Amino acid sequence: MPSPSLSGYIEGFSDYISSGDASSLAPYLAENANPEFLKIYRNGAFKACLDALTANFPTLKQYLEDEAFKGLGRKYISRHWPQDSRLAVYGEHLVAFMVDAKTDYPPHSVDFARLDHAWLDALFARDESPLSGEDIAAMVNQDGESHLHLLNLASSVRLAHLDHHSLPRWIKFKFESDIESDQPESKSIMFWRREQTVQYRQLNMFEESFINTISKSGSVMQAAEAAIAINPNEDVGALFAGLLMGGVLTQGSEP
């Protein structure tokens, strides 16, 4: 057996914190030591993870209430130990975990997890400058041809697809306010960050088609064609202008 080393101790301690298995720490413990004392460290790490889930999924916690949320959190932590000790975005697999668990959660639970996570992801996305009207004009006039196929969604854009009409209820928990939905049948929500504030918008099928297509192709023309195919009576120009003014679009690059 190799001699105990500092790196071996650190690796063994990390394994214990994440798994609860203290066997790899045996060479570093006194012969009469009770490994139960190690639980204080693992319990502290577990609490930090649960606190992070509480901070990152605040409306889900309110909706489920304290004990049910803690039960969910403990199960999730046991299966998905954090890879980043900062825990700022911990819970990235929570939605999939809840879906796969087949547990009979209250009806809006998974949607609340989706919305909380999309909001958090948008908040911590990398910074970048949105396109301005001047940028678009320059792209159209560059080399005498249009370069509007070189567009991307901002890196903070996140789309949440819901199972229920959960947005008004989520907003009531999140912001303690009531809203009247302008898209009562929509289950698609777009989040993005502008000037350090997370924005959200319900999308109808026309808008969702435009945004999904521009995300995949970077082409305004292809996005417009896809959206018009969904609803030829909607105004593509108004939608494009709204996305531009809202800071949703950024300039792409040649492949």
C-alpha atoms as a PDB file:
ATOM      1  CA  MET A   1       0.000   0.000   0.000  1.00  0.00           C
ATOM      2  CA  PRO A   2       1.421   3.469  -0.876  1.00  0.00           C
ATOM      3  CA  SER A   3       2.400   5.730   2.003  1.00  0.00           C
ATOM      4  CA  PRO A   4      -0.174   8.321   3.109  1.00  0.00           C
ATOM      5  CA  SER A   5       0.304  11.680   1.411  1.00  0.00           C
ATOM      6  CA  LEU A   6      -1.247  15.123   1.572  1.00  0.00           C
ATOM      7  CA  SER A   7      -2.732  14.758  -1.920  1.00  0.00           C
ATOM      8  CA  GLY A   8      -4.145  11.353  -0.958  1.00  0.00           C
ATOM      9  CA  TYR A   9      -5.702  12.835   2.156  1.00  0.00           C
ATOM     10  CA  ILE A  10      -7.287  15.691   0.204  1.00  0.00           C
ATOM     11  CA  GLU A  11      -8.660  13.289  -2.407  1.00  0.00           C
ATOM     12  CA  GLY A  12      -9.965  10.910   0.259  1.00  0.00           C
ATOM     13  CA  PHE A  13     -11.580  13.732   2.211  1.00  0.00           C
ATOM     14  CA  SER A  14     -13.257  15.048  -0.948  1.00  0.00           C
ATOM     15  CA  ASP A  15     -14.563  11.559  -1.720  1.00  0.00           C
ATOM     16  CA  TYR A  16     -15.938  11.275   1.806  1.00  0.00           C
ATOM     17  CA  ILE A  17     -17.692  14.648   1.666  1.00  0.00           C
ATOM     18  CA  SER A  18     -19.412  13.767  -1.610  1.00  0.00           C
ATOM     19  CA  SER A  19     -20.168  10.076  -0.973  1.00  0.00           C
ATOM     20  CA  GLY A  20     -20.111   9.517   2.785  1.00  0.00           C
ATOM     21  CA  ASP A  21     -17.604   6.662   2.351  1.00  0.00           C
ATOM     22  CA  ALA A  22     -14.727   7.195   4.796  1.00  0.00           C
ATOM     23  CA  SER A  23     -12.763   4.046   3.903  1.00  0.00           C
ATOM     24  CA  SER A  24     -10.123   5.925   1.912  1.00  0.00           C
ATOM     25  CA  LEU A  25      -9.410   8.083   4.978  1.00  0.00           C
ATOM     26  CA  ALA A  26      -8.537   5.083   7.185  1.00  0.00           C
ATOM     27  CA  PRO A  27      -4.733   5.470   6.734  1.00  0.00           C
ATOM     28  CA  TYR A  28      -4.989   9.062   8.002  1.00  0.00           C
ATOM     29  CA  LEU A  29      -6.959   8.350  11.190  1.00  0.00           C
ATOM     30  CA  ALA A  30      -5.587   7.284  14.541  1.00  0.00           C
ATOM     31  CA  GLU A  31      -6.129   3.602  15.316  1.00  0.00           C
ATOM     32  CA  ASN A  32      -8.704   4.312  18.012  1.00  0.00           C
ATOM     33  CA  ALA A  33     -10.412   7.169  16.156  1.00  0.00           C
ATOM     34  CA  ASN A  34     -14.142   6.890  15.528  1.00  0.00           C
ATOM     35  CA  PRO A  35     -14.793   7.998  11.926  1.00  0.00           C
ATOM     36  CA  GLU A  36     -18.228   9.226  13.042  1.00  0.00           C
ATOM     37  CA  PHE A  37     -16.597  12.542  13.979  1.00  0.00           C
ATOM     38  CA  LEU A  38     -16.160  13.200  10.256  1.00  0.00           C
ATOM     39  CA  LYS A  39     -19.919  13.613   9.876  1.00  0.00           C
ATOM     40  CA  ILE A  40     -19.717  17.148  11.184  1.00  0.00           C
ATOM     41  CA  TYR A  41     -17.831  18.132   8.009  1.00  0.00           C
ATOM     42  CA  ARG A  42     -20.186  16.295   5.658  1.00  0.00           C
ATOM     43  CA  ASN A  43     -23.250  17.659   7.418  1.00  0.00           C
ATOM     44  CA  GLY A  44     -21.867  21.174   7.033  1.00  0.00           C
ATOM     45  CA  ALA A  45     -21.278  20.638   3.313  1.00  0.00           C
ATOM     46  CA  PHE A  46     -24.764  19.162   2.940  1.00  0.00           C
ATOM     47  CA  LYS A  47     -26.284  22.210   4.623  1.00  0.00           C
ATOM     48  CA  ALA A  48     -24.358  24.540   2.305  1.00  0.00           C
ATOM     49  CA  CYS A  49     -25.772  22.657  -0.705  1.00  0.00           C
ATOM     50  CA  LEU A  50     -29.300  22.837   0.689  1.00  0.00           C
ATOM     51  CA  ASP A  51     -28.893  26.557   1.372  1.00  0.00           C
ATOM     52  CA  ALA A  52     -27.744  27.016  -2.238  1.00  0.00           C
ATOM     53  CA  LEU A  53     -30.795  25.169  -3.580  1.00  0.00           C
ATOM     54  CA  THR A  54     -33.003  27.359  -1.379  1.00  0.00           C
ATOM     55  CA  ALA A  55     -31.378  30.501  -2.788  1.00  0.00           C
ATOM     56  CA  ASN A  56     -31.437  29.270  -6.393  1.00  0.00           C
ATOM     57  CA  PHE A  57     -35.004  27.884  -6.389  1.00  0.00           C
ATOM     58  CA  PRO A  58     -36.867  30.308  -4.102  1.00  0.00           C
ATOM     59  CA  THR A  59     -40.314  30.031  -5.635  1.00  0.00           C
ATOM     60  CA  LEU A  60     -40.141  26.231  -5.777  1.00  0.00           C
ATOM     61  CA  LYS A  61     -39.330  26.235  -2.052  1.00  0.00           C
ATOM     62  CA  GLN A  62     -42.275  28.512  -1.289  1.00  0.00           C
ATOM     63  CA  TYR A  63     -44.597  26.405  -3.420  1.00  0.00           C
ATOM     64  CA  LEU A  64     -43.554  23.043  -1.946  1.00  0.00           C
ATOM     65  CA  GLU A  65     -43.101  24.483   1.559  1.00  0.00           C
ATOM     66  CA  ASP A  66     -40.135  23.850   3.806  1.00  0.00           C
ATOM     67  CA  GLU A  67     -40.166  20.147   4.682  1.00  0.00           C
ATOM     68  CA  ALA A  68     -41.102  18.907   1.204  1.00  0.00           C
ATOM     69  CA  PHE A  69     -38.431  21.108  -0.370  1.00  0.00           C
ATOM     70  CA  LYS A  70     -35.802  19.886   2.087  1.00  0.00           C
ATOM     71  CA  GLY A  71     -36.739  16.288   1.297  1.00  0.00           C
ATOM     72  CA  LEU A  72     -36.347  16.954  -2.417  1.00  0.00           C
ATOM     73  CA  GLY A  73     -33.079  18.793  -1.795  1.00  0.00           C
ATOM     74  CA  ARG A  74     -31.547  15.970   0.244  1.00  0.00           C
ATOM     75  CA  LYS A  75     -32.357  13.410  -2.450  1.00  0.00           C
ATOM     76  CA  TYR A  76     -30.965  15.671  -5.162  1.00  0.00           C
ATOM     77  CA  ILE A  77     -27.745  16.431  -3.255  1.00  0.00           C
ATOM     78  CA  SER A  78     -27.148  12.716  -2.689  1.00  0.00           C
ATOM     79  CA  ARG A  79     -27.374  12.085  -6.424  1.00  0.00           C
ATOM     80  CA  HIS A  80     -25.772  15.292  -7.747  1.00  0.00           C
ATOM     81  CA  TRP A  81     -22.925  16.500  -5.611  1.00  0.00           C
ATOM     82  CA  PRO A  82     -21.798  19.990  -6.777  1.00  0.00           C
ATOM     83  CA  GLN A  83     -18.842  20.249  -9.135  1.00  0.00           C
ATOM     84  CA  ASP A  84     -18.290  23.921  -8.347  1.00  0.00           C
ATOM     85  CA  SER A  85     -17.725  24.810  -4.702  1.00  0.00           C
ATOM     86  CA  ARG A  86     -19.082  28.328  -5.277  1.00  0.00           C
ATOM     87  CA  LEU A  87     -22.622  26.876  -5.623  1.00  0.00           C
ATOM     88  CA  ALA A  88     -23.822  29.996  -7.476  1.00  0.00           C
ATOM     89  CA  VAL A  89     -25.797  27.996 -10.040  1.00  0.00           C
ATOM     90  CA  TYR A  90     -26.102  24.718  -8.149  1.00  0.00           C
ATOM     91  CA  GLY A  91     -29.192  22.750  -9.121  1.00  0.00           C
ATOM     92  CA  GLU A  92     -28.588  22.653 -12.864  1.00  0.00           C
ATOM     93  CA  HIS A  93     -29.920  19.074 -13.014  1.00  0.00           C
ATOM     94  CA  LEU A  94     -32.858  19.556 -10.652  1.00  0.00           C
ATOM     95  CA  VAL A  95     -35.548  19.726 -13.355  1.00  0.00           C
ATOM     96  CA  ALA A  96     -34.410  16.472 -14.975  1.00  0.00           C
ATOM     97  CA  PHE A  97     -34.056  14.888 -11.533  1.00  0.00           C
ATOM     98  CA  MET A  98     -37.661  15.780 -10.657  1.00  0.00           C
ATOM     99  CA  VAL A  99     -38.983  14.506 -13.992  1.00  0.00           C
ATOM    100  CA  ASP A 100     -37.061  11.235 -13.721  1.00  0.00           C
ATOM    101  CA  ALA A 101     -38.034  10.694 -10.088  1.00  0.00           C
ATOM    102  CA  LYS A 102     -41.669  10.005 -11.050  1.00  0.00           C
ATOM    103  CA  THR A 103     -42.678  11.466  -7.696  1.00  0.00           C
ATOM    104  CA  ASP A 104     -46.183  12.870  -7.338  1.00  0.00           C
ATOM    105  CA  TYR A 105     -45.150  16.491  -6.808  1.00  0.00           C
ATOM    106  CA  PRO A 106     -47.850  19.195  -6.728  1.00  0.00           C
ATOM    107  CA  PRO A 107     -48.835  20.117 -10.307  1.00  0.00           C
ATOM    108  CA  HIS A 108     -46.744  23.278 -10.840  1.00  0.00           C
ATOM    109  CA  SER A 109     -43.578  22.009  -9.111  1.00  0.00           C
ATOM    110  CA  VAL A 110     -41.505  21.059 -12.168  1.00  0.00           C
ATOM    111  CA  ASP A 111     -42.562  24.243 -13.972  1.00  0.00           C
ATOM    112  CA  PHE A 112     -41.467  26.328 -10.986  1.00  0.00           C
ATOM    113  CA  ALA A 113     -38.091  24.560 -11.069  1.00  0.00           C
ATOM    114  CA  ARG A 114     -37.820  25.302 -14.813  1.00  0.00           C
ATOM    115  CA  LEU A 115     -38.664  28.969 -14.319  1.00  0.00           C
ATOM    116  CA  ASP A 116     -36.357  29.433 -11.325  1.00  0.00           C
ATOM    117  CA  HIS A 117     -33.486  27.789 -13.177  1.00  0.00           C
ATOM    118  CA  ALA A 118     -34.028  29.764 -16.398  1.00  0.00           C
ATOM    119  CA  TRP A 119     -34.120  33.017 -14.406  1.00  0.00           C
ATOM    120  CA  LEU A 120     -30.916  32.074 -12.547  1.00  0.00           C
ATOM    121  CA  ASP A 121     -29.140  31.000 -15.750  1.00  0.00           C
ATOM    122  CA  ALA A 122     -30.031  34.288 -17.429  1.00  0.00           C
ATOM    123  CA  LEU A 123     -28.786  36.231 -14.413  1.00  0.00           C
ATOM    124  CA  PHE A 124     -25.346  34.590 -14.417  1.00  0.00           C
ATOM    125  CA  ALA A 125     -24.798  34.395 -18.194  1.00  0.00           C
ATOM    126  CA  ARG A 126     -21.735  36.140 -19.569  1.00  0.00           C
ATOM    127  CA  ASP A 127     -21.888  39.837 -20.384  1.00  0.00           C
ATOM    128  CA  GLU A 128     -22.003  41.040 -23.973  1.00  0.00           C
ATOM    129  CA  SER A 129     -23.153  44.106 -25.864  1.00  0.00           C
ATOM    130  CA  PRO A 130     -26.583  43.887 -27.517  1.00  0.00           C
ATOM    131  CA  LEU A 131     -27.091  45.003 -31.096  1.00  0.00           C
ATOM    132  CA  SER A 132     -28.208  48.556 -31.739  1.00  0.00           C
ATOM    133  CA  GLY A 133     -30.058  49.994 -34.706  1.00  0.00           C
ATOM    134  CA  GLU A 134     -26.728  51.436 -35.890  1.00  0.00           C
ATOM    135  CA  ASP A 135     -25.179  47.966 -35.782  1.00  0.00           C
ATOM    136  CA  ILE A 136     -27.973  46.593 -37.951  1.00  0.00           C
ATOM    137  CA  ALA A 137     -27.574  49.440 -40.446  1.00  0.00           C
ATOM    138  CA  ALA A 138     -23.845  48.776 -40.653  1.00  0.00           C
ATOM    139  CA  MET A 139     -24.457  45.057 -41.217  1.00  0.00           C
ATOM    140  CA  VAL A 140     -26.900  45.787 -44.031  1.00  0.00           C
ATOM    141  CA  ASN A 141     -24.531  48.236 -45.735  1.00  0.00           C
ATOM    142  CA  GLN A 142     -21.317  46.251 -45.234  1.00  0.00           C
ATOM    143  CA  ASP A 143     -19.682  45.541 -48.602  1.00  0.00           C
ATOM    144  CA  GLY A 144     -22.904  46.485 -50.324  1.00  0.00           C
ATOM    145  CA  GLU A 145     -24.721  43.378 -49.122  1.00  0.00           C
ATOM    146  CA  SER A 146     -26.761  42.241 -46.152  1.00  0.00           C
ATOM    147  CA  HIS A 147     -25.065  40.409 -43.297  1.00  0.00           C
ATOM    148  CA  LEU A 148     -28.269  39.843 -41.352  1.00  0.00           C
ATOM    149  CA  HIS A 149     -27.594  36.109 -41.462  1.00  0.00           C
ATOM    150  CA  LEU A 150     -24.883  36.750 -38.851  1.00  0.00           C
ATOM    151  CA  LEU A 151     -27.111  37.168 -35.808  1.00  0.00           C
ATOM    152  CA  ASN A 152     -27.298  35.269 -32.544  1.00  0.00           C
ATOM    153  CA  LEU A 153     -29.500  35.363 -29.502  1.00  0.00           C
ATOM    154  CA  ALA A 154     -27.808  36.995 -26.540  1.00  0.00           C
ATOM    155  CA  SER A 155     -25.933  34.516 -24.358  1.00  0.00           C
ATOM    156  CA  SER A 156     -28.353  35.209 -21.498  1.00  0.00           C
ATOM    157  CA  VAL A 157     -31.442  34.074 -23.448  1.00  0.00           C
ATOM    158  CA  ARG A 158     -33.111  31.025 -21.922  1.00  0.00           C
ATOM    159  CA  LEU A 159     -36.328  29.399 -23.071  1.00  0.00           C
ATOM    160  CA  ALA A 160     -38.519  27.573 -20.567  1.00  0.00           C
ATOM    161  CA  HIS A 161     -41.206  25.224 -21.887  1.00  0.00           C
ATOM    162  CA  LEU A 162     -43.881  24.536 -19.290  1.00  0.00           C
ATOM    163  CA  ASP A 163     -46.312  21.693 -18.690  1.00  0.00           C
ATOM    164  CA  HIS A 164     -48.974  23.977 -17.223  1.00  0.00           C
ATOM    165  CA  HIS A 165     -49.948  27.655 -17.337  1.00  0.00           C
ATOM    166  CA  SER A 166     -47.690  28.281 -14.375  1.00  0.00           C
ATOM    167  CA  LEU A 167     -46.198  31.701 -15.132  1.00  0.00           C
ATOM    168  CA  PRO A 168     -48.782  33.915 -13.338  1.00  0.00           C
ATOM    169  CA  ARG A 169     -48.553  31.764 -10.216  1.00  0.00           C
ATOM    170  CA  TRP A 170     -44.722  31.805 -10.381  1.00  0.00           C
ATOM    171  CA  ILE A 171     -44.704  35.602 -10.739  1.00  0.00           C
ATOM    172  CA  LYS A 172     -46.965  35.914  -7.711  1.00  0.00           C
ATOM    173  CA  PHE A 173     -44.477  33.895  -5.642  1.00  0.00           C
ATOM    174  CA  LYS A 174     -41.384  35.530  -7.154  1.00  0.00           C
ATOM    175  CA  PHE A 175     -42.421  39.171  -7.163  1.00  0.00           C
ATOM    176  CA  GLU A 176     -45.459  39.154  -4.854  1.00  0.00           C
ATOM    177  CA  SER A 177     -47.619  40.624  -7.598  1.00  0.00           C
ATOM    178  CA  ASP A 178     -50.440  39.527  -9.872  1.00  0.00           C
ATOM    179  CA  ILE A 179     -50.378  39.825 -13.656  1.00  0.00           C
ATOM    180  CA  GLU A 180     -52.871  39.364 -16.422  1.00  0.00           C
ATOM    181  CA  SER A 181     -51.278  37.177 -19.070  1.00  0.00           C
ATOM    182  CA  ASP A 182     -51.259  38.647 -22.579  1.00  0.00           C
ATOM    183  CA  GLN A 183     -50.669  35.134 -23.942  1.00  0.00           C
ATOM    184  CA  PRO A 184     -53.025  33.029 -21.784  1.00  0.00           C
ATOM    185  CA  GLU A 185     -52.465  29.866 -23.821  1.00  0.00           C
ATOM    186  CA  SER A 186     -48.674  30.173 -23.984  1.00  0.00           C
ATOM    187  CA  LYS A 187     -46.449  27.723 -22.144  1.00  0.00           C
ATOM    188  CA  SER A 188     -43.185  29.062 -23.613  1.00  0.00           C
ATOM    189  CA  ILE A 189     -41.301  31.731 -21.674  1.00  0.00           C
ATOM    190  CA  MET A 190     -38.161  33.589 -22.743  1.00  0.00           C
ATOM    191  CA  PHE A 191     -35.772  35.001 -20.137  1.00  0.00           C
ATOM    192  CA  TRP A 192     -32.834  37.275 -20.838  1.00  0.00           C
ATOM    193  CA  ARG A 193     -30.746  39.808 -18.955  1.00  0.00           C
ATOM    194  CA  ARG A 194     -30.532  43.457 -19.845  1.00  0.00           C
ATOM    195  CA  GLU A 195     -28.612  46.014 -17.794  1.00  0.00           C
ATOM    196  CA  GLN A 196     -28.173  43.480 -14.977  1.00  0.00           C
ATOM    197  CA  THR A 197     -31.913  42.886 -14.723  1.00  0.00           C
ATOM    198  CA  VAL A 198     -33.555  39.645 -15.820  1.00  0.00           C
ATOM    199  CA  GLN A 199     -36.462  40.184 -18.198  1.00  0.00           C
ATOM    200  CA  TYR A 200     -39.123  37.670 -19.222  1.00  0.00           C
ATOM    201  CA  ARG A 201     -41.685  37.384 -21.981  1.00  0.00           C
ATOM    202  CA  GLN A 202     -44.359  34.857 -22.843  1.00  0.00           C
ATOM    203  CA  LEU A 203     -44.030  33.684 -26.436  1.00  0.00           C
ATOM    204  CA  ASN A 204     -46.789  32.727 -28.807  1.00  0.00           C
ATOM    205  CA  MET A 205     -46.089  30.115 -31.497  1.00  0.00           C
ATOM    206  CA  PHE A 206     -45.192  32.802 -34.058  1.00  0.00           C
ATOM    207  CA  GLU A 207     -42.596  34.387 -31.763  1.00  0.00           C
ATOM    208  CA  GLU A 208     -41.232  31.055 -30.589  1.00  0.00           C
ATOM    209  CA  SER A 209     -40.727  29.884 -34.162  1.00  0.00           C
ATOM    210  CA  PHE A 210     -38.815  33.065 -35.049  1.00  0.00           C
ATOM    211  CA  ILE A 211     -36.578  32.841 -31.986  1.00  0.00           C
ATOM    212  CA  ASN A 212     -35.880  29.112 -32.309  1.00  0.00           C
ATOM    213  CA  THR A 213     -34.961  29.508 -35.975  1.00  0.00           C
ATOM    214  CA  ILE A 214     -32.654  32.462 -35.447  1.00  0.00           C
ATOM    215  CA  SER A 215     -31.015  30.528 -32.608  1.00  0.00           C
ATOM    216  CA  LYS A 216     -30.240  27.619 -34.942  1.00  0.00           C
ATOM    217  CA  SER A 217     -29.497  29.440 -38.210  1.00  0.00           C
ATOM    218  CA  GLY A 218     -28.527  33.002 -37.281  1.00  0.00           C
ATOM    219  CA  SER A 219     -30.587  34.137 -40.266  1.00  0.00           C
ATOM    220  CA  VAL A 220     -33.301  36.766 -39.941  1.00  0.00           C
ATOM    221  CA  MET A 221     -34.744  35.726 -43.322  1.00  0.00           C
ATOM    222  CA  GLN A 222     -35.040  32.063 -42.352  1.00  0.00           C
ATOM    223  CA  ALA A 223     -36.520  33.046 -38.997  1.00  0.00           C
ATOM    224  CA  ALA A 224     -39.058  35.302 -40.708  1.00  0.00           C
ATOM    225  CA  GLU A 225     -40.059  32.560 -43.158  1.00  0.00           C
ATOM    226  CA  ALA A 226     -40.512  30.055 -40.328  1.00  0.00           C
ATOM    227  CA  ALA A 227     -42.610  32.483 -38.296  1.00  0.00           C
ATOM    228  CA  ILE A 228     -44.787  33.519 -41.249  1.00  0.00           C
ATOM    229  CA  ALA A 229     -45.445  29.844 -41.946  1.00  0.00           C
ATOM    230  CA  ILE A 230     -46.961  29.641 -38.456  1.00  0.00           C
ATOM    231  CA  ASN A 231     -49.037  32.825 -38.759  1.00  0.00           C
ATOM    232  CA  PRO A 232     -48.878  34.982 -41.896  1.00  0.00           C
ATOM    233  CA  ASN A 233     -51.001  37.676 -40.241  1.00  0.00           C
ATOM    234  CA  GLU A 234     -48.410  38.582 -37.598  1.00  0.00           C
ATOM    235  CA  ASP A 235     -45.914  41.425 -38.127  1.00  0.00           C
ATOM    236  CA  VAL A 236     -42.353  40.055 -38.417  1.00  0.00           C
ATOM    237  CA  GLY A 237     -40.885  43.540 -38.551  1.00  0.00           C
ATOM    238  CA  ALA A 238     -42.462  44.524 -35.263  1.00  0.00           C
ATOM    239  CA  LEU A 239     -41.200  41.347 -33.622  1.00  0.00           C
ATOM    240  CA  PHE A 240     -37.654  41.880 -34.930  1.00  0.00           C
ATOM    241  CA  ALA A 241     -37.685  45.499 -33.773  1.00  0.00           C
ATOM    242  CA  GLY A 242     -38.921  44.474 -30.335  1.00  0.00           C
ATOM    243  CA  LEU A 243     -36.170  41.872 -29.952  1.00  0.00           C
ATOM    244  CA  LEU A 244     -33.596  44.402 -31.122  1.00  0.00           C
ATOM    245  CA  MET A 245     -34.774  47.097 -28.722  1.00  0.00           C
ATOM    246  CA  GLY A 246     -35.005  44.564 -25.890  1.00  0.00           C
ATOM    247  CA  GLY A 247     -31.352  43.555 -26.206  1.00  0.00           C
ATOM    248  CA  VAL A 248     -32.160  39.976 -27.219  1.00  0.00           C
ATOM    249  CA  LEU A 249     -29.945  39.931 -30.341  1.00  0.00           C
ATOM    250  CA  THR A 250     -26.174  40.004 -30.766  1.00  0.00           C
ATOM    251  CA  GLN A 251     -23.910  39.852 -33.784  1.00  0.00           C
ATOM    252  CA  GLY A 252     -22.626  36.456 -34.862  1.00  0.00           C
ATOM    253  CA  SER A 253     -19.561  35.639 -36.921  1.00  0.00           C
ATOM    254  CA  GLU A 254     -18.696  33.864 -40.111  1.00  0.00           C
ATOM    255  CA  PRO A 255     -18.380  30.076 -39.640  1.00  0.00           C
END
